[in-house]
Amino acid sequence: MARTKDPAVRSRLLERAAHMLRTREPVTLRALVAGTGVSTMAVYTYFGGMEGLWRALRQEGFTRLAAELATVPVTTDPVRDLAALGAAYLRNALAGPDLYRVMFDAAFELEDAGAADGALHHLVRAVERAKAAGRFREDVDPLELATRSWTIGHGLASLVATGPLPREALAHAVPMLTAQFVSAGDDPRSCRRSVERGWEPVSPGGPGSR
């Protein structure tokens, strides 16, 4: 009879791998299980080997991103909410920059291929709400605008969380997002206020600053 898998062991191995990434330790099979109380066989039992571990770790990145996006409240200002989703994306990257790198390592498939789409759909729904509220034009494609918004967030995350730019560079998101949303039909002054409110948690000196 096959032994029942313990979710705690799986979680422990993932946390260990994430820690090793944070501390720049080489993630080898033996180094991974050191100090976890399990043997190297556990990596095969729970992940089918190291490649499966990397797939699971990549999935974990999107799982954590989904949890962060879910904390963004829906308000009466959909443009603010759209910017706030971008801020949540940045918070997730800043909290785990090494795990963030793994999320976009296309060398390994996701366990759930729809995980990335799920993150994008949060943005799509916010764009749809902005259109319904009359903030964006009727001819705006929600998927296209959401993708462009993600591109801005991902670029900043890559350059600040895992790259050479200081945290102060996050402030560039406000004029970039404002210009994008104004081009979609929003009023420049109202748009700027909405974006600033949504982006505040990751702005230098804002409540999310570290």
N, C-alpha and C. Protein backbone atom coordinates (compact mmCIF):
# COMPACT_ATOMS: atom_id res chain seq x y z
N MET A 1 0.85 -1.21 0.00
CA MET A 1 0.00 0.00 0.00
C MET A 1 0.88 1.26 0.00
N ALA A 2 0.57 2.20 -0.87
CA ALA A 2 1.35 3.43 -0.94
C ALA A 2 1.15 4.27 0.31
N ARG A 3 2.25 4.86 0.77
CA ARG A 3 2.17 5.71 1.95
C ARG A 3 1.47 7.02 1.61
N THR A 4 0.69 7.53 2.56
CA THR A 4 0.01 8.81 2.36
C THR A 4 1.03 9.94 2.39
N LYS A 5 0.96 10.81 1.41
CA LYS A 5 1.89 11.94 1.36
C LYS A 5 1.49 12.99 2.39
N ASP A 6 2.47 13.56 3.02
CA ASP A 6 2.25 14.59 4.04
C ASP A 6 2.43 15.96 3.40
N PRO A 7 1.37 16.76 3.29
CA PRO A 7 1.51 18.10 2.68
C PRO A 7 2.55 18.96 3.38
N ALA A 8 2.76 18.71 4.68
CA ALA A 8 3.74 19.51 5.42
C ALA A 8 5.15 19.27 4.91
N VAL A 9 5.43 18.03 4.51
CA VAL A 9 6.76 17.72 3.98
C VAL A 9 6.97 18.44 2.65
N ARG A 10 5.96 18.39 1.81
CA ARG A 10 6.04 19.07 0.51
C ARG A 10 6.29 20.57 0.72
N SER A 11 5.53 21.16 1.64
CA SER A 11 5.68 22.58 1.92
C SER A 11 7.06 22.88 2.48
N ARG A 12 7.57 22.00 3.33
CA ARG A 12 8.89 22.20 3.94
C ARG A 12 9.98 22.22 2.87
N LEU A 13 9.88 21.32 1.91
CA LEU A 13 10.87 21.26 0.84
C LEU A 13 10.80 22.50 -0.05
N LEU A 14 9.60 22.98 -0.33
CA LEU A 14 9.46 24.19 -1.13
C LEU A 14 10.02 25.40 -0.40
N GLU A 15 9.74 25.49 0.89
CA GLU A 15 10.25 26.61 1.68
C GLU A 15 11.78 26.56 1.74
N ARG A 16 12.30 25.35 1.86
CA ARG A 16 13.75 25.18 1.91
C ARG A 16 14.38 25.64 0.58
N ALA A 17 13.78 25.24 -0.53
CA ALA A 17 14.29 25.64 -1.84
C ALA A 17 14.22 27.15 -2.01
N ALA A 18 13.12 27.76 -1.58
CA ALA A 18 12.98 29.22 -1.68
C ALA A 18 14.03 29.92 -0.81
N HIS A 19 14.29 29.36 0.37
CA HIS A 19 15.30 29.94 1.26
C HIS A 19 16.68 29.85 0.61
N MET A 20 16.98 28.72 -0.01
CA MET A 20 18.27 28.55 -0.66
C MET A 20 18.44 29.55 -1.79
N LEU A 21 17.36 29.82 -2.51
CA LEU A 21 17.43 30.83 -3.56
C LEU A 21 17.72 32.20 -2.97
N ARG A 22 17.03 32.51 -1.86
CA ARG A 22 17.23 33.83 -1.23
C ARG A 22 18.67 34.01 -0.77
N THR A 23 19.26 32.92 -0.25
CA THR A 23 20.62 33.01 0.30
C THR A 23 21.69 32.63 -0.71
N ARG A 24 21.26 32.44 -1.96
CA ARG A 24 22.18 32.15 -3.07
C ARG A 24 22.93 30.82 -2.88
N GLU A 25 22.30 29.85 -2.22
CA GLU A 25 22.92 28.53 -2.09
C GLU A 25 22.58 27.69 -3.33
N PRO A 26 23.53 26.89 -3.81
CA PRO A 26 23.22 25.98 -4.92
C PRO A 26 22.14 24.98 -4.49
N VAL A 27 21.06 24.87 -5.26
CA VAL A 27 19.96 23.98 -4.90
C VAL A 27 20.24 22.61 -5.51
N THR A 28 20.97 21.78 -4.74
CA THR A 28 21.23 20.41 -5.14
C THR A 28 20.33 19.48 -4.34
N LEU A 29 20.23 18.24 -4.77
CA LEU A 29 19.35 17.28 -4.11
C LEU A 29 19.73 17.11 -2.65
N ARG A 30 20.99 16.87 -2.37
CA ARG A 30 21.41 16.64 -0.99
C ARG A 30 21.32 17.90 -0.15
N ALA A 31 21.71 19.04 -0.73
CA ALA A 31 21.64 20.29 0.03
C ALA A 31 20.19 20.65 0.35
N LEU A 32 19.30 20.31 -0.55
CA LEU A 32 17.89 20.63 -0.35
C LEU A 32 17.31 19.95 0.89
N VAL A 33 17.63 18.67 1.08
CA VAL A 33 17.01 17.92 2.19
C VAL A 33 17.77 18.09 3.49
N ALA A 34 18.97 18.67 3.46
CA ALA A 34 19.76 18.84 4.67
C ALA A 34 18.98 19.66 5.71
N GLY A 35 18.84 19.08 6.88
CA GLY A 35 18.15 19.78 7.96
C GLY A 35 16.65 19.73 7.92
N THR A 36 16.07 19.05 6.92
CA THR A 36 14.60 18.98 6.82
C THR A 36 14.03 17.76 7.51
N GLY A 37 14.90 16.79 7.84
CA GLY A 37 14.41 15.57 8.48
C GLY A 37 13.88 14.53 7.51
N VAL A 38 14.07 14.76 6.21
CA VAL A 38 13.63 13.78 5.22
C VAL A 38 14.82 13.38 4.35
N SER A 39 14.70 12.25 3.66
CA SER A 39 15.77 11.78 2.80
C SER A 39 15.62 12.35 1.39
N THR A 40 16.64 12.13 0.57
CA THR A 40 16.59 12.60 -0.81
C THR A 40 15.43 11.95 -1.57
N MET A 41 15.01 10.77 -1.14
CA MET A 41 13.90 10.09 -1.80
C MET A 41 12.62 10.92 -1.74
N ALA A 42 12.50 11.76 -0.70
CA ALA A 42 11.29 12.58 -0.56
C ALA A 42 11.10 13.50 -1.75
N VAL A 43 12.20 13.97 -2.36
CA VAL A 43 12.10 14.85 -3.52
C VAL A 43 11.44 14.10 -4.68
N TYR A 44 11.74 12.82 -4.80
CA TYR A 44 11.12 12.00 -5.85
C TYR A 44 9.69 11.65 -5.49
N THR A 45 9.46 11.39 -4.20
CA THR A 45 8.12 11.03 -3.75
C THR A 45 7.12 12.17 -3.97
N TYR A 46 7.55 13.37 -3.66
CA TYR A 46 6.63 14.52 -3.72
C TYR A 46 6.67 15.28 -5.04
N PHE A 47 7.81 15.21 -5.75
CA PHE A 47 7.94 16.03 -6.96
C PHE A 47 8.38 15.24 -8.19
N GLY A 48 8.75 13.99 -8.01
CA GLY A 48 9.23 13.20 -9.13
C GLY A 48 10.65 13.52 -9.52
N GLY A 49 11.35 14.31 -8.70
CA GLY A 49 12.73 14.69 -8.98
C GLY A 49 12.90 16.19 -8.94
N MET A 50 14.10 16.64 -9.23
CA MET A 50 14.41 18.06 -9.13
C MET A 50 13.64 18.90 -10.15
N GLU A 51 13.42 18.36 -11.35
CA GLU A 51 12.67 19.12 -12.34
C GLU A 51 11.25 19.38 -11.85
N GLY A 52 10.65 18.37 -11.22
CA GLY A 52 9.31 18.54 -10.66
C GLY A 52 9.30 19.54 -9.53
N LEU A 53 10.38 19.58 -8.75
CA LEU A 53 10.48 20.56 -7.68
C LEU A 53 10.47 21.98 -8.25
N TRP A 54 11.23 22.19 -9.33
CA TRP A 54 11.28 23.52 -9.93
C TRP A 54 9.91 23.91 -10.49
N ARG A 55 9.20 22.95 -11.06
CA ARG A 55 7.84 23.25 -11.55
C ARG A 55 6.95 23.67 -10.39
N ALA A 56 7.06 22.92 -9.27
CA ALA A 56 6.23 23.23 -8.10
C ALA A 56 6.61 24.58 -7.51
N LEU A 57 7.90 24.88 -7.52
CA LEU A 57 8.34 26.16 -6.96
C LEU A 57 7.86 27.31 -7.83
N ARG A 58 7.90 27.11 -9.14
CA ARG A 58 7.38 28.12 -10.06
C ARG A 58 5.89 28.33 -9.80
N GLN A 59 5.17 27.22 -9.59
CA GLN A 59 3.74 27.30 -9.29
C GLN A 59 3.50 28.05 -7.99
N GLU A 60 4.37 27.80 -7.00
CA GLU A 60 4.24 28.46 -5.71
C GLU A 60 4.33 29.97 -5.87
N GLY A 61 5.18 30.42 -6.78
CA GLY A 61 5.28 31.86 -7.02
C GLY A 61 3.97 32.44 -7.49
N PHE A 62 3.29 31.75 -8.40
CA PHE A 62 2.00 32.25 -8.89
C PHE A 62 0.91 32.09 -7.83
N THR A 63 1.03 31.07 -6.98
CA THR A 63 0.07 30.91 -5.89
C THR A 63 0.15 32.08 -4.93
N ARG A 64 1.38 32.48 -4.62
CA ARG A 64 1.57 33.62 -3.71
C ARG A 64 1.13 34.93 -4.37
N LEU A 65 1.37 35.04 -5.67
CA LEU A 65 0.91 36.23 -6.38
C LEU A 65 -0.61 36.32 -6.35
N ALA A 66 -1.28 35.19 -6.58
CA ALA A 66 -2.75 35.17 -6.55
C ALA A 66 -3.26 35.59 -5.18
N ALA A 67 -2.59 35.12 -4.13
CA ALA A 67 -3.01 35.49 -2.77
C ALA A 67 -2.83 36.97 -2.53
N GLU A 68 -1.75 37.55 -3.06
CA GLU A 68 -1.51 38.98 -2.89
C GLU A 68 -2.53 39.80 -3.66
N LEU A 69 -2.83 39.39 -4.89
CA LEU A 69 -3.82 40.11 -5.68
C LEU A 69 -5.20 40.05 -5.04
N ALA A 70 -5.48 38.94 -4.36
CA ALA A 70 -6.79 38.77 -3.72
C ALA A 70 -6.98 39.72 -2.54
N THR A 71 -5.89 40.30 -2.03
CA THR A 71 -6.01 41.24 -0.90
C THR A 71 -6.44 42.63 -1.35
N VAL A 72 -6.42 42.87 -2.68
CA VAL A 72 -6.77 44.20 -3.18
C VAL A 72 -8.29 44.35 -3.17
N PRO A 73 -8.82 45.29 -2.40
CA PRO A 73 -10.27 45.44 -2.33
C PRO A 73 -10.85 46.05 -3.60
N VAL A 74 -12.06 45.70 -3.90
CA VAL A 74 -12.79 46.32 -5.01
C VAL A 74 -13.48 47.56 -4.46
N THR A 75 -13.17 48.72 -5.05
CA THR A 75 -13.75 49.97 -4.58
C THR A 75 -14.63 50.58 -5.68
N THR A 76 -15.12 51.76 -5.42
CA THR A 76 -15.94 52.44 -6.43
C THR A 76 -15.09 53.13 -7.49
N ASP A 77 -13.76 53.04 -7.35
CA ASP A 77 -12.84 53.65 -8.31
C ASP A 77 -12.06 52.55 -9.01
N PRO A 78 -12.54 52.08 -10.16
CA PRO A 78 -11.87 50.95 -10.83
C PRO A 78 -10.48 51.27 -11.35
N VAL A 79 -10.20 52.55 -11.65
CA VAL A 79 -8.86 52.92 -12.10
C VAL A 79 -7.88 52.83 -10.93
N ARG A 80 -8.33 53.28 -9.78
CA ARG A 80 -7.51 53.10 -8.57
C ARG A 80 -7.26 51.63 -8.33
N ASP A 81 -8.28 50.79 -8.50
CA ASP A 81 -8.14 49.36 -8.27
C ASP A 81 -7.15 48.74 -9.25
N LEU A 82 -7.17 49.20 -10.48
CA LEU A 82 -6.25 48.68 -11.50
C LEU A 82 -4.80 49.01 -11.11
N ALA A 83 -4.58 50.24 -10.65
CA ALA A 83 -3.24 50.60 -10.19
C ALA A 83 -2.86 49.83 -8.94
N ALA A 84 -3.83 49.59 -8.06
CA ALA A 84 -3.57 48.86 -6.82
C ALA A 84 -3.19 47.41 -7.09
N LEU A 85 -3.74 46.82 -8.15
CA LEU A 85 -3.35 45.47 -8.53
C LEU A 85 -1.89 45.46 -8.98
N GLY A 86 -1.48 46.51 -9.69
CA GLY A 86 -0.08 46.63 -10.07
C GLY A 86 0.82 46.76 -8.85
N ALA A 87 0.35 47.52 -7.85
CA ALA A 87 1.12 47.67 -6.62
C ALA A 87 1.23 46.34 -5.88
N ALA A 88 0.16 45.56 -5.90
CA ALA A 88 0.19 44.24 -5.26
C ALA A 88 1.18 43.32 -5.97
N TYR A 89 1.22 43.42 -7.28
CA TYR A 89 2.17 42.64 -8.07
C TYR A 89 3.60 42.98 -7.65
N LEU A 90 3.88 44.27 -7.48
CA LEU A 90 5.20 44.71 -7.04
C LEU A 90 5.51 44.25 -5.64
N ARG A 91 4.53 44.32 -4.73
CA ARG A 91 4.76 43.86 -3.36
C ARG A 91 5.17 42.39 -3.35
N ASN A 92 4.48 41.60 -4.17
CA ASN A 92 4.80 40.18 -4.23
C ASN A 92 6.23 39.96 -4.71
N ALA A 93 6.65 40.70 -5.74
CA ALA A 93 8.01 40.57 -6.26
C ALA A 93 9.05 41.02 -5.26
N LEU A 94 8.78 42.12 -4.56
CA LEU A 94 9.73 42.64 -3.59
C LEU A 94 9.86 41.72 -2.38
N ALA A 95 8.77 41.03 -2.03
CA ALA A 95 8.79 40.13 -0.87
C ALA A 95 9.58 38.86 -1.16
N GLY A 96 9.63 38.43 -2.41
CA GLY A 96 10.35 37.21 -2.75
C GLY A 96 11.01 37.32 -4.11
N PRO A 97 12.06 38.13 -4.23
CA PRO A 97 12.66 38.37 -5.55
C PRO A 97 13.21 37.12 -6.23
N ASP A 98 13.76 36.19 -5.47
CA ASP A 98 14.29 34.98 -6.09
C ASP A 98 13.18 34.06 -6.57
N LEU A 99 12.13 33.95 -5.77
CA LEU A 99 10.97 33.17 -6.20
C LEU A 99 10.33 33.83 -7.42
N TYR A 100 10.36 35.15 -7.45
CA TYR A 100 9.82 35.89 -8.60
C TYR A 100 10.57 35.51 -9.88
N ARG A 101 11.89 35.37 -9.79
CA ARG A 101 12.68 34.96 -10.96
C ARG A 101 12.22 33.60 -11.47
N VAL A 102 11.99 32.68 -10.52
CA VAL A 102 11.61 31.31 -10.91
C VAL A 102 10.26 31.30 -11.60
N MET A 103 9.35 32.21 -11.22
CA MET A 103 8.02 32.26 -11.82
C MET A 103 8.07 32.38 -13.33
N PHE A 104 9.09 33.07 -13.83
CA PHE A 104 9.15 33.35 -15.26
C PHE A 104 10.27 32.57 -15.95
N ASP A 105 10.68 31.48 -15.32
CA ASP A 105 11.65 30.59 -15.93
C ASP A 105 10.90 29.59 -16.80
N ALA A 106 10.83 29.89 -18.08
CA ALA A 106 10.03 29.07 -19.00
C ALA A 106 10.63 27.70 -19.26
N ALA A 107 11.81 27.42 -18.66
CA ALA A 107 12.41 26.09 -18.86
C ALA A 107 11.59 25.01 -18.17
N PHE A 108 10.75 25.40 -17.23
CA PHE A 108 9.93 24.45 -16.49
C PHE A 108 8.46 24.80 -16.65
N GLU A 109 7.64 23.81 -16.96
CA GLU A 109 6.21 24.03 -17.10
C GLU A 109 5.58 24.29 -15.73
N LEU A 110 4.48 25.00 -15.73
CA LEU A 110 3.70 25.17 -14.50
C LEU A 110 2.89 23.91 -14.22
N GLU A 111 2.67 23.62 -12.95
CA GLU A 111 1.78 22.51 -12.60
C GLU A 111 0.37 22.83 -13.07
N ASP A 112 -0.02 24.08 -12.92
CA ASP A 112 -1.33 24.55 -13.38
C ASP A 112 -1.08 25.64 -14.41
N ALA A 113 -1.23 25.31 -15.66
CA ALA A 113 -0.90 26.25 -16.74
C ALA A 113 -1.77 27.50 -16.72
N GLY A 114 -2.92 27.45 -16.05
CA GLY A 114 -3.81 28.60 -16.01
C GLY A 114 -3.46 29.60 -14.92
N ALA A 115 -2.42 29.32 -14.13
CA ALA A 115 -2.10 30.21 -13.01
C ALA A 115 -1.74 31.61 -13.47
N ALA A 116 -0.92 31.71 -14.52
CA ALA A 116 -0.55 33.03 -15.02
C ALA A 116 -1.75 33.76 -15.60
N ASP A 117 -2.62 33.02 -16.28
CA ASP A 117 -3.84 33.63 -16.83
C ASP A 117 -4.72 34.18 -15.72
N GLY A 118 -4.75 33.47 -14.58
CA GLY A 118 -5.56 33.91 -13.45
C GLY A 118 -5.13 35.28 -12.95
N ALA A 119 -3.80 35.50 -12.91
CA ALA A 119 -3.29 36.80 -12.48
C ALA A 119 -3.70 37.89 -13.47
N LEU A 120 -3.58 37.59 -14.75
CA LEU A 120 -3.94 38.56 -15.78
C LEU A 120 -5.43 38.90 -15.73
N HIS A 121 -6.26 37.92 -15.42
CA HIS A 121 -7.70 38.15 -15.41
C HIS A 121 -8.13 39.11 -14.31
N HIS A 122 -7.36 39.21 -13.23
CA HIS A 122 -7.64 40.23 -12.21
C HIS A 122 -7.60 41.62 -12.87
N LEU A 123 -6.59 41.83 -13.70
CA LEU A 123 -6.45 43.13 -14.37
C LEU A 123 -7.54 43.33 -15.42
N VAL A 124 -7.85 42.27 -16.14
CA VAL A 124 -8.89 42.36 -17.17
C VAL A 124 -10.22 42.79 -16.55
N ARG A 125 -10.56 42.19 -15.42
CA ARG A 125 -11.84 42.54 -14.77
C ARG A 125 -11.85 43.99 -14.32
N ALA A 126 -10.71 44.50 -13.85
CA ALA A 126 -10.65 45.90 -13.42
C ALA A 126 -10.83 46.83 -14.63
N VAL A 127 -10.24 46.47 -15.76
CA VAL A 127 -10.42 47.28 -16.97
C VAL A 127 -11.88 47.26 -17.40
N GLU A 128 -12.51 46.11 -17.34
CA GLU A 128 -13.93 46.00 -17.71
C GLU A 128 -14.79 46.88 -16.80
N ARG A 129 -14.47 46.93 -15.52
CA ARG A 129 -15.22 47.77 -14.59
C ARG A 129 -15.00 49.25 -14.93
N ALA A 130 -13.78 49.61 -15.31
CA ALA A 130 -13.49 51.00 -15.67
C ALA A 130 -14.27 51.40 -16.92
N LYS A 131 -14.40 50.48 -17.86
CA LYS A 131 -15.20 50.75 -19.06
C LYS A 131 -16.67 50.94 -18.69
N ALA A 132 -17.17 50.06 -17.83
CA ALA A 132 -18.58 50.13 -17.42
C ALA A 132 -18.87 51.43 -16.67
N ALA A 133 -17.85 51.95 -15.96
CA ALA A 133 -18.03 53.19 -15.20
C ALA A 133 -17.84 54.43 -16.07
N GLY A 134 -17.50 54.23 -17.34
CA GLY A 134 -17.31 55.36 -18.23
C GLY A 134 -15.94 56.00 -18.14
N ARG A 135 -15.00 55.36 -17.44
CA ARG A 135 -13.65 55.91 -17.33
C ARG A 135 -12.82 55.62 -18.58
N PHE A 136 -13.05 54.46 -19.19
CA PHE A 136 -12.35 54.10 -20.41
C PHE A 136 -13.33 54.04 -21.58
N ARG A 137 -12.84 54.25 -22.79
CA ARG A 137 -13.69 54.23 -23.97
C ARG A 137 -14.25 52.82 -24.22
N GLU A 138 -15.35 52.79 -24.93
CA GLU A 138 -16.00 51.51 -25.25
C GLU A 138 -15.16 50.65 -26.17
N ASP A 139 -14.31 51.28 -26.99
CA ASP A 139 -13.52 50.49 -27.95
C ASP A 139 -12.23 49.93 -27.35
N VAL A 140 -11.99 50.18 -26.08
CA VAL A 140 -10.79 49.66 -25.42
C VAL A 140 -10.90 48.15 -25.24
N ASP A 141 -9.87 47.42 -25.64
CA ASP A 141 -9.82 45.97 -25.46
C ASP A 141 -9.28 45.68 -24.06
N PRO A 142 -10.10 45.11 -23.16
CA PRO A 142 -9.65 44.87 -21.78
C PRO A 142 -8.40 44.01 -21.69
N LEU A 143 -8.31 42.98 -22.50
CA LEU A 143 -7.14 42.10 -22.44
C LEU A 143 -5.89 42.84 -22.88
N GLU A 144 -6.01 43.65 -23.93
CA GLU A 144 -4.84 44.38 -24.43
C GLU A 144 -4.35 45.40 -23.41
N LEU A 145 -5.28 46.14 -22.80
CA LEU A 145 -4.89 47.15 -21.82
C LEU A 145 -4.33 46.48 -20.56
N ALA A 146 -4.94 45.38 -20.15
CA ALA A 146 -4.45 44.65 -18.98
C ALA A 146 -3.04 44.12 -19.23
N THR A 147 -2.79 43.64 -20.43
CA THR A 147 -1.45 43.13 -20.77
C THR A 147 -0.42 44.24 -20.74
N ARG A 148 -0.78 45.42 -21.26
CA ARG A 148 0.16 46.54 -21.23
C ARG A 148 0.44 46.97 -19.79
N SER A 149 -0.60 46.93 -18.94
CA SER A 149 -0.41 47.28 -17.53
C SER A 149 0.53 46.29 -16.85
N TRP A 150 0.35 45.00 -17.15
CA TRP A 150 1.22 43.98 -16.58
C TRP A 150 2.66 44.20 -17.05
N THR A 151 2.81 44.59 -18.30
CA THR A 151 4.15 44.83 -18.84
C THR A 151 4.88 45.91 -18.06
N ILE A 152 4.17 46.98 -17.70
CA ILE A 152 4.77 48.05 -16.90
C ILE A 152 5.17 47.51 -15.53
N GLY A 153 4.26 46.78 -14.89
CA GLY A 153 4.55 46.24 -13.56
C GLY A 153 5.70 45.25 -13.59
N HIS A 154 5.70 44.39 -14.60
CA HIS A 154 6.76 43.38 -14.68
C HIS A 154 8.11 44.02 -14.96
N GLY A 155 8.11 45.03 -15.81
CA GLY A 155 9.37 45.72 -16.09
C GLY A 155 9.96 46.35 -14.85
N LEU A 156 9.13 47.02 -14.06
CA LEU A 156 9.61 47.64 -12.83
C LEU A 156 10.04 46.59 -11.82
N ALA A 157 9.27 45.51 -11.71
CA ALA A 157 9.61 44.45 -10.76
C ALA A 157 10.97 43.85 -11.11
N SER A 158 11.19 43.61 -12.40
CA SER A 158 12.45 43.01 -12.83
C SER A 158 13.64 43.94 -12.57
N LEU A 159 13.42 45.24 -12.74
CA LEU A 159 14.52 46.19 -12.60
C LEU A 159 14.77 46.60 -11.16
N VAL A 160 13.73 46.51 -10.32
CA VAL A 160 13.89 46.93 -8.92
C VAL A 160 14.07 45.73 -8.00
N ALA A 161 13.17 44.75 -8.08
CA ALA A 161 13.23 43.60 -7.17
C ALA A 161 14.39 42.68 -7.49
N THR A 162 14.69 42.51 -8.77
CA THR A 162 15.75 41.56 -9.13
C THR A 162 16.83 42.19 -9.99
N GLY A 163 16.81 43.50 -10.12
CA GLY A 163 17.75 44.16 -11.02
C GLY A 163 18.48 45.32 -10.40
N PRO A 164 18.93 46.26 -11.24
CA PRO A 164 19.87 47.29 -10.79
C PRO A 164 19.25 48.58 -10.25
N LEU A 165 17.95 48.79 -10.44
CA LEU A 165 17.39 50.09 -10.08
C LEU A 165 16.99 50.15 -8.61
N PRO A 166 17.11 51.34 -7.98
CA PRO A 166 16.70 51.50 -6.58
C PRO A 166 15.18 51.54 -6.47
N ARG A 167 14.68 51.39 -5.25
CA ARG A 167 13.24 51.38 -5.02
C ARG A 167 12.58 52.68 -5.48
N GLU A 168 13.32 53.76 -5.46
CA GLU A 168 12.76 55.05 -5.88
C GLU A 168 12.25 55.01 -7.32
N ALA A 169 12.77 54.07 -8.11
CA ALA A 169 12.35 53.97 -9.51
C ALA A 169 10.89 53.55 -9.64
N LEU A 170 10.32 52.98 -8.57
CA LEU A 170 8.91 52.57 -8.62
C LEU A 170 7.99 53.76 -8.87
N ALA A 171 8.45 54.96 -8.52
CA ALA A 171 7.63 56.15 -8.72
C ALA A 171 7.34 56.40 -10.20
N HIS A 172 8.16 55.83 -11.08
CA HIS A 172 7.94 56.02 -12.52
C HIS A 172 6.62 55.38 -12.97
N ALA A 173 6.11 54.45 -12.19
CA ALA A 173 4.87 53.77 -12.58
C ALA A 173 3.70 54.75 -12.65
N VAL A 174 3.68 55.74 -11.78
CA VAL A 174 2.54 56.66 -11.75
C VAL A 174 2.37 57.40 -13.07
N PRO A 175 3.39 58.09 -13.59
CA PRO A 175 3.19 58.75 -14.89
C PRO A 175 2.98 57.76 -16.03
N MET A 176 3.63 56.59 -15.98
CA MET A 176 3.47 55.63 -17.06
C MET A 176 2.04 55.07 -17.10
N LEU A 177 1.53 54.67 -15.93
CA LEU A 177 0.17 54.14 -15.89
C LEU A 177 -0.84 55.24 -16.20
N THR A 178 -0.60 56.44 -15.70
CA THR A 178 -1.51 57.56 -15.98
C THR A 178 -1.60 57.80 -17.48
N ALA A 179 -0.46 57.85 -18.15
CA ALA A 179 -0.45 58.07 -19.60
C ALA A 179 -1.20 56.96 -20.33
N GLN A 180 -1.02 55.73 -19.86
CA GLN A 180 -1.69 54.62 -20.51
C GLN A 180 -3.20 54.69 -20.33
N PHE A 181 -3.64 55.00 -19.13
CA PHE A 181 -5.08 55.04 -18.86
C PHE A 181 -5.74 56.27 -19.48
N VAL A 182 -5.00 57.37 -19.56
CA VAL A 182 -5.54 58.55 -20.25
C VAL A 182 -5.71 58.24 -21.73
N SER A 183 -4.77 57.51 -22.30
CA SER A 183 -4.89 57.14 -23.71
C SER A 183 -6.09 56.21 -23.95
N ALA A 184 -6.54 55.55 -22.87
CA ALA A 184 -7.72 54.69 -22.97
C ALA A 184 -9.01 55.47 -22.75
N GLY A 185 -8.88 56.79 -22.49
CA GLY A 185 -10.07 57.63 -22.40
C GLY A 185 -10.31 58.30 -21.07
N ASP A 186 -9.48 58.03 -20.06
CA ASP A 186 -9.74 58.60 -18.74
C ASP A 186 -9.36 60.08 -18.69
N ASP A 187 -10.00 60.83 -17.81
CA ASP A 187 -9.69 62.24 -17.61
C ASP A 187 -8.32 62.36 -16.94
N PRO A 188 -7.40 63.17 -17.48
CA PRO A 188 -6.03 63.23 -16.96
C PRO A 188 -5.94 63.51 -15.46
N ARG A 189 -6.71 64.48 -14.99
CA ARG A 189 -6.59 64.85 -13.58
C ARG A 189 -7.15 63.76 -12.67
N SER A 190 -8.34 63.25 -13.02
CA SER A 190 -8.94 62.19 -12.21
C SER A 190 -8.07 60.93 -12.25
N CYS A 191 -7.51 60.66 -13.42
CA CYS A 191 -6.69 59.48 -13.60
C CYS A 191 -5.45 59.54 -12.71
N ARG A 192 -4.79 60.68 -12.70
CA ARG A 192 -3.59 60.82 -11.89
C ARG A 192 -3.89 60.58 -10.41
N ARG A 193 -5.00 61.13 -9.94
CA ARG A 193 -5.37 60.94 -8.53
C ARG A 193 -5.63 59.46 -8.24
N SER A 194 -6.34 58.80 -9.14
CA SER A 194 -6.67 57.40 -8.94
C SER A 194 -5.41 56.53 -8.90
N VAL A 195 -4.51 56.78 -9.86
CA VAL A 195 -3.29 55.98 -9.93
C VAL A 195 -2.42 56.22 -8.70
N GLU A 196 -2.32 57.46 -8.27
CA GLU A 196 -1.51 57.75 -7.07
C GLU A 196 -2.06 57.03 -5.85
N ARG A 197 -3.39 57.00 -5.70
CA ARG A 197 -3.99 56.31 -4.56
C ARG A 197 -3.73 54.80 -4.64
N GLY A 198 -3.86 54.25 -5.85
CA GLY A 198 -3.65 52.81 -5.99
C GLY A 198 -2.21 52.40 -5.82
N TRP A 199 -1.30 53.26 -6.24
CA TRP A 199 0.13 52.92 -6.22
C TRP A 199 0.79 53.25 -4.89
N GLU A 200 0.10 53.99 -4.03
CA GLU A 200 0.70 54.48 -2.79
C GLU A 200 1.38 53.41 -1.95
N PRO A 201 0.81 52.19 -1.81
CA PRO A 201 1.45 51.19 -0.94
C PRO A 201 2.88 50.81 -1.32
N VAL A 202 3.28 50.98 -2.57
CA VAL A 202 4.65 50.64 -2.94
C VAL A 202 5.47 51.86 -3.33
N SER A 203 4.89 53.06 -3.18
CA SER A 203 5.63 54.27 -3.48
C SER A 203 6.69 54.48 -2.40
N PRO A 204 7.84 55.04 -2.73
CA PRO A 204 8.86 55.34 -1.71
C PRO A 204 8.26 56.21 -0.62
N GLY A 205 8.35 55.74 0.62
CA GLY A 205 7.77 56.47 1.74
C GLY A 205 6.31 56.16 1.99
N GLY A 206 5.70 55.35 1.10
CA GLY A 206 4.30 54.96 1.29
C GLY A 206 4.17 53.89 2.34
N PRO A 207 2.93 53.49 2.67
CA PRO A 207 2.71 52.53 3.74
C PRO A 207 3.34 51.18 3.50
N GLY A 208 3.63 50.83 2.25
CA GLY A 208 4.22 49.54 1.98
C GLY A 208 5.74 49.59 1.90
N SER A 209 6.34 50.74 2.18
CA SER A 209 7.79 50.86 2.06
C SER A 209 8.48 50.01 3.11
N ARG A 210 9.66 49.50 2.71
CA ARG A 210 10.43 48.67 3.63
C ARG A 210 11.82 49.30 3.79
